[in-house]
N, C-alpha and C. Protein backbone atom coordinates (compact mmCIF):
# COMPACT_ATOMS: atom_id res chain seq x y z
N MET A 1 0.83 -1.21 0.00
CA MET A 1 0.00 0.00 0.00
C MET A 1 0.86 1.25 0.00
N SER A 2 1.96 1.27 0.74
CA SER A 2 2.75 2.49 0.84
C SER A 2 3.39 2.87 -0.49
N ALA A 3 3.85 1.88 -1.27
CA ALA A 3 4.44 2.19 -2.58
C ALA A 3 3.38 2.79 -3.50
N GLU A 4 2.17 2.29 -3.41
CA GLU A 4 1.07 2.85 -4.21
C GLU A 4 0.77 4.28 -3.79
N ARG A 5 0.82 4.53 -2.48
CA ARG A 5 0.54 5.88 -1.95
C ARG A 5 1.62 6.85 -2.41
N VAL A 6 2.87 6.42 -2.42
CA VAL A 6 3.97 7.27 -2.89
C VAL A 6 3.77 7.59 -4.37
N THR A 7 3.44 6.58 -5.17
CA THR A 7 3.22 6.78 -6.60
C THR A 7 2.06 7.75 -6.85
N LEU A 8 0.99 7.59 -6.12
CA LEU A 8 -0.17 8.47 -6.27
C LEU A 8 0.17 9.90 -5.82
N THR A 9 0.90 10.03 -4.73
CA THR A 9 1.31 11.35 -4.25
C THR A 9 2.18 12.04 -5.28
N GLU A 10 3.15 11.33 -5.84
CA GLU A 10 4.00 11.89 -6.87
C GLU A 10 3.19 12.34 -8.08
N ALA A 11 2.25 11.51 -8.52
CA ALA A 11 1.43 11.84 -9.69
C ALA A 11 0.61 13.10 -9.45
N ARG A 12 0.01 13.22 -8.27
CA ARG A 12 -0.79 14.40 -7.96
C ARG A 12 0.07 15.67 -7.95
N LEU A 13 1.24 15.58 -7.34
CA LEU A 13 2.11 16.75 -7.26
C LEU A 13 2.66 17.14 -8.64
N ARG A 14 2.99 16.15 -9.47
CA ARG A 14 3.47 16.45 -10.82
C ARG A 14 2.37 17.14 -11.64
N ALA A 15 1.17 16.65 -11.54
CA ALA A 15 0.06 17.22 -12.30
C ALA A 15 -0.27 18.64 -11.85
N ALA A 16 -0.23 18.89 -10.55
CA ALA A 16 -0.65 20.18 -10.02
C ALA A 16 0.45 21.24 -10.06
N LEU A 17 1.71 20.82 -9.86
CA LEU A 17 2.77 21.81 -9.64
C LEU A 17 3.93 21.72 -10.63
N ASP A 18 3.89 20.79 -11.56
CA ASP A 18 4.91 20.66 -12.61
C ASP A 18 6.32 20.86 -12.05
N PRO A 19 6.72 20.03 -11.10
CA PRO A 19 8.02 20.23 -10.45
C PRO A 19 9.21 19.92 -11.36
N SER A 20 10.30 20.64 -11.15
CA SER A 20 11.55 20.33 -11.83
C SER A 20 12.28 19.24 -11.06
N GLU A 21 11.97 19.10 -9.78
CA GLU A 21 12.52 18.03 -8.96
C GLU A 21 11.47 17.62 -7.94
N LEU A 22 11.35 16.32 -7.72
CA LEU A 22 10.36 15.81 -6.78
C LEU A 22 10.86 14.51 -6.17
N ARG A 23 10.75 14.43 -4.86
CA ARG A 23 11.08 13.20 -4.15
C ARG A 23 10.04 13.01 -3.05
N VAL A 24 9.46 11.84 -2.99
CA VAL A 24 8.50 11.49 -1.94
C VAL A 24 9.03 10.25 -1.23
N ASP A 25 9.28 10.39 0.06
CA ASP A 25 9.79 9.28 0.86
C ASP A 25 8.73 8.84 1.86
N ASP A 26 8.60 7.53 2.02
CA ASP A 26 7.68 6.96 2.99
C ASP A 26 8.44 6.73 4.29
N ASP A 27 8.12 7.49 5.32
CA ASP A 27 8.75 7.37 6.63
C ASP A 27 7.88 6.59 7.62
N SER A 28 6.87 5.91 7.13
CA SER A 28 5.90 5.23 8.00
C SER A 28 6.53 4.22 8.94
N ALA A 29 7.52 3.49 8.47
CA ALA A 29 8.14 2.45 9.31
C ALA A 29 8.76 3.05 10.57
N ALA A 30 9.25 4.28 10.47
CA ALA A 30 9.87 4.94 11.62
C ALA A 30 8.83 5.35 12.66
N HIS A 31 7.55 5.31 12.28
CA HIS A 31 6.49 5.75 13.18
C HIS A 31 5.55 4.60 13.57
N ALA A 32 5.97 3.38 13.32
CA ALA A 32 5.15 2.21 13.67
C ALA A 32 4.83 2.25 15.17
N GLY A 33 3.59 1.98 15.50
CA GLY A 33 3.16 1.99 16.89
C GLY A 33 2.63 3.34 17.34
N HIS A 34 2.90 4.38 16.59
CA HIS A 34 2.38 5.72 16.87
C HIS A 34 0.86 5.68 16.72
N ALA A 35 0.15 6.31 17.62
CA ALA A 35 -1.32 6.24 17.61
C ALA A 35 -1.90 6.65 16.27
N GLY A 36 -1.37 7.68 15.64
CA GLY A 36 -1.91 8.15 14.38
C GLY A 36 -1.54 7.29 13.19
N ALA A 37 -0.60 6.39 13.36
CA ALA A 37 -0.15 5.56 12.25
C ALA A 37 -1.29 4.70 11.68
N ARG A 38 -2.29 4.40 12.49
CA ARG A 38 -3.44 3.63 12.00
C ARG A 38 -4.26 4.43 10.99
N GLU A 39 -4.18 5.76 11.05
CA GLU A 39 -4.99 6.62 10.20
C GLU A 39 -4.34 6.88 8.85
N GLY A 40 -3.08 6.50 8.68
CA GLY A 40 -2.39 6.72 7.42
C GLY A 40 -0.90 6.78 7.63
N GLY A 41 -0.18 6.94 6.53
CA GLY A 41 1.27 6.91 6.58
C GLY A 41 1.90 8.26 6.87
N HIS A 42 3.20 8.21 7.10
CA HIS A 42 4.02 9.40 7.32
C HIS A 42 4.92 9.55 6.10
N TYR A 43 4.89 10.72 5.49
CA TYR A 43 5.63 10.94 4.26
C TYR A 43 6.44 12.23 4.34
N ARG A 44 7.53 12.26 3.56
CA ARG A 44 8.38 13.43 3.45
C ARG A 44 8.46 13.79 1.96
N VAL A 45 8.22 15.06 1.64
CA VAL A 45 8.21 15.53 0.26
C VAL A 45 9.27 16.60 0.08
N PHE A 46 10.11 16.43 -0.94
CA PHE A 46 10.97 17.51 -1.41
C PHE A 46 10.46 17.84 -2.80
N ILE A 47 10.11 19.10 -3.01
CA ILE A 47 9.59 19.51 -4.31
C ILE A 47 10.14 20.87 -4.68
N GLU A 48 10.60 20.96 -5.93
CA GLU A 48 11.09 22.23 -6.47
C GLU A 48 10.23 22.55 -7.69
N SER A 49 9.66 23.75 -7.69
CA SER A 49 8.75 24.12 -8.77
C SER A 49 8.78 25.63 -9.00
N ASN A 50 8.66 26.02 -10.25
CA ASN A 50 8.53 27.45 -10.58
C ASN A 50 7.29 28.06 -9.94
N ARG A 51 6.29 27.23 -9.64
CA ARG A 51 5.05 27.72 -9.03
C ARG A 51 5.30 28.34 -7.65
N PHE A 52 6.43 28.02 -7.03
CA PHE A 52 6.73 28.53 -5.69
C PHE A 52 7.48 29.87 -5.72
N THR A 53 7.91 30.31 -6.88
CA THR A 53 8.66 31.55 -6.99
C THR A 53 7.84 32.72 -6.45
N GLY A 54 8.43 33.44 -5.52
CA GLY A 54 7.78 34.61 -4.94
C GLY A 54 6.78 34.31 -3.83
N LEU A 55 6.59 33.05 -3.51
CA LEU A 55 5.64 32.68 -2.46
C LEU A 55 6.37 32.38 -1.15
N HIS A 56 5.74 32.73 -0.05
CA HIS A 56 6.31 32.38 1.25
C HIS A 56 5.98 30.93 1.57
N ARG A 57 6.62 30.41 2.61
CA ARG A 57 6.52 28.99 2.94
C ARG A 57 5.08 28.51 3.13
N VAL A 58 4.26 29.27 3.81
CA VAL A 58 2.88 28.84 4.07
C VAL A 58 2.11 28.71 2.75
N ALA A 59 2.29 29.65 1.84
CA ALA A 59 1.59 29.58 0.55
C ALA A 59 2.05 28.37 -0.26
N ARG A 60 3.33 28.06 -0.18
CA ARG A 60 3.85 26.88 -0.89
C ARG A 60 3.23 25.61 -0.32
N HIS A 61 3.17 25.53 1.00
CA HIS A 61 2.59 24.35 1.64
C HIS A 61 1.11 24.22 1.30
N ARG A 62 0.42 25.34 1.22
CA ARG A 62 -1.01 25.29 0.84
C ARG A 62 -1.18 24.69 -0.55
N LEU A 63 -0.30 25.04 -1.48
CA LEU A 63 -0.39 24.47 -2.82
C LEU A 63 -0.19 22.95 -2.79
N VAL A 64 0.75 22.50 -1.99
CA VAL A 64 0.99 21.06 -1.86
C VAL A 64 -0.22 20.38 -1.23
N TYR A 65 -0.72 20.95 -0.13
CA TYR A 65 -1.88 20.35 0.54
C TYR A 65 -3.11 20.35 -0.37
N HIS A 66 -3.28 21.39 -1.16
CA HIS A 66 -4.41 21.44 -2.09
C HIS A 66 -4.31 20.30 -3.12
N ALA A 67 -3.11 20.05 -3.63
CA ALA A 67 -2.91 18.99 -4.61
C ALA A 67 -3.19 17.61 -4.02
N LEU A 68 -3.00 17.49 -2.71
CA LEU A 68 -3.14 16.20 -2.04
C LEU A 68 -4.37 16.14 -1.12
N ALA A 69 -5.31 17.02 -1.32
CA ALA A 69 -6.43 17.20 -0.38
C ALA A 69 -7.13 15.89 -0.01
N ASP A 70 -7.54 15.11 -0.98
CA ASP A 70 -8.27 13.88 -0.64
C ASP A 70 -7.36 12.84 0.01
N LEU A 71 -6.08 12.82 -0.35
CA LEU A 71 -5.15 11.88 0.28
C LEU A 71 -4.89 12.26 1.74
N MET A 72 -4.96 13.54 2.04
CA MET A 72 -4.77 13.99 3.41
C MET A 72 -5.93 13.55 4.29
N GLN A 73 -7.08 13.30 3.69
CA GLN A 73 -8.25 12.85 4.45
C GLN A 73 -8.21 11.35 4.73
N SER A 74 -7.54 10.61 3.86
CA SER A 74 -7.41 9.17 4.09
C SER A 74 -6.16 8.68 3.38
N GLY A 75 -5.23 8.22 4.15
CA GLY A 75 -4.01 7.67 3.56
C GLY A 75 -2.74 8.37 4.01
N ILE A 76 -2.81 9.67 4.24
CA ILE A 76 -1.64 10.41 4.72
C ILE A 76 -1.98 10.95 6.10
N HIS A 77 -1.23 10.52 7.09
CA HIS A 77 -1.42 11.02 8.46
C HIS A 77 -0.52 12.22 8.73
N ALA A 78 0.71 12.15 8.24
CA ALA A 78 1.68 13.22 8.48
C ALA A 78 2.47 13.47 7.20
N LEU A 79 2.75 14.75 6.94
CA LEU A 79 3.47 15.14 5.73
C LEU A 79 4.47 16.23 6.06
N ALA A 80 5.74 15.93 5.86
CA ALA A 80 6.80 16.93 6.02
C ALA A 80 7.11 17.46 4.62
N ILE A 81 7.11 18.78 4.47
CA ILE A 81 7.25 19.40 3.16
C ILE A 81 8.47 20.30 3.11
N ASP A 82 9.30 20.11 2.09
CA ASP A 82 10.39 21.02 1.76
C ASP A 82 10.08 21.49 0.35
N ALA A 83 9.50 22.68 0.23
CA ALA A 83 9.06 23.22 -1.06
C ALA A 83 9.92 24.42 -1.42
N ARG A 84 10.57 24.34 -2.57
CA ARG A 84 11.50 25.40 -2.99
C ARG A 84 11.24 25.83 -4.43
N ALA A 85 11.61 27.06 -4.70
CA ALA A 85 11.63 27.55 -6.07
C ALA A 85 13.01 27.19 -6.65
N PRO A 86 13.13 27.06 -7.97
CA PRO A 86 14.42 26.74 -8.57
C PRO A 86 15.50 27.76 -8.13
N GLY A 87 16.66 27.24 -7.82
CA GLY A 87 17.78 28.10 -7.43
C GLY A 87 17.87 28.39 -5.95
N GLU A 88 16.88 28.01 -5.19
CA GLU A 88 16.94 28.20 -3.74
C GLU A 88 17.75 27.08 -3.12
N GLY A 89 18.55 27.42 -2.12
CA GLY A 89 19.42 26.42 -1.48
C GLY A 89 18.86 25.78 -0.33
C-alpha cells in the first residue's frame, strides 16, 4: 500500500505543480506503533517548482496540501514538506 501511496502522491504533485525536482519518501516504518499511524502513513516531500517563486513557505505548503487534499483525508497522516523555487538552497 505504501508504494502505491507514494506513486499516487508523486502523480498528484506532478500534475498540479509541474516540479523540476520531486522526491516522496515513505517514513511510515519509523512511526510504527504511533497512535496516528493507524490513520495513514508518514511521508516526506521535497519539491522544487517554478510555481513557488515569490511565495512564502505557508503559501507553498497550501499548494501542496491542495494537490493532495483527498489523500490527506485518508491515507496520509503526516506530511513533512520542503518546497523550494528553482535556485533556492
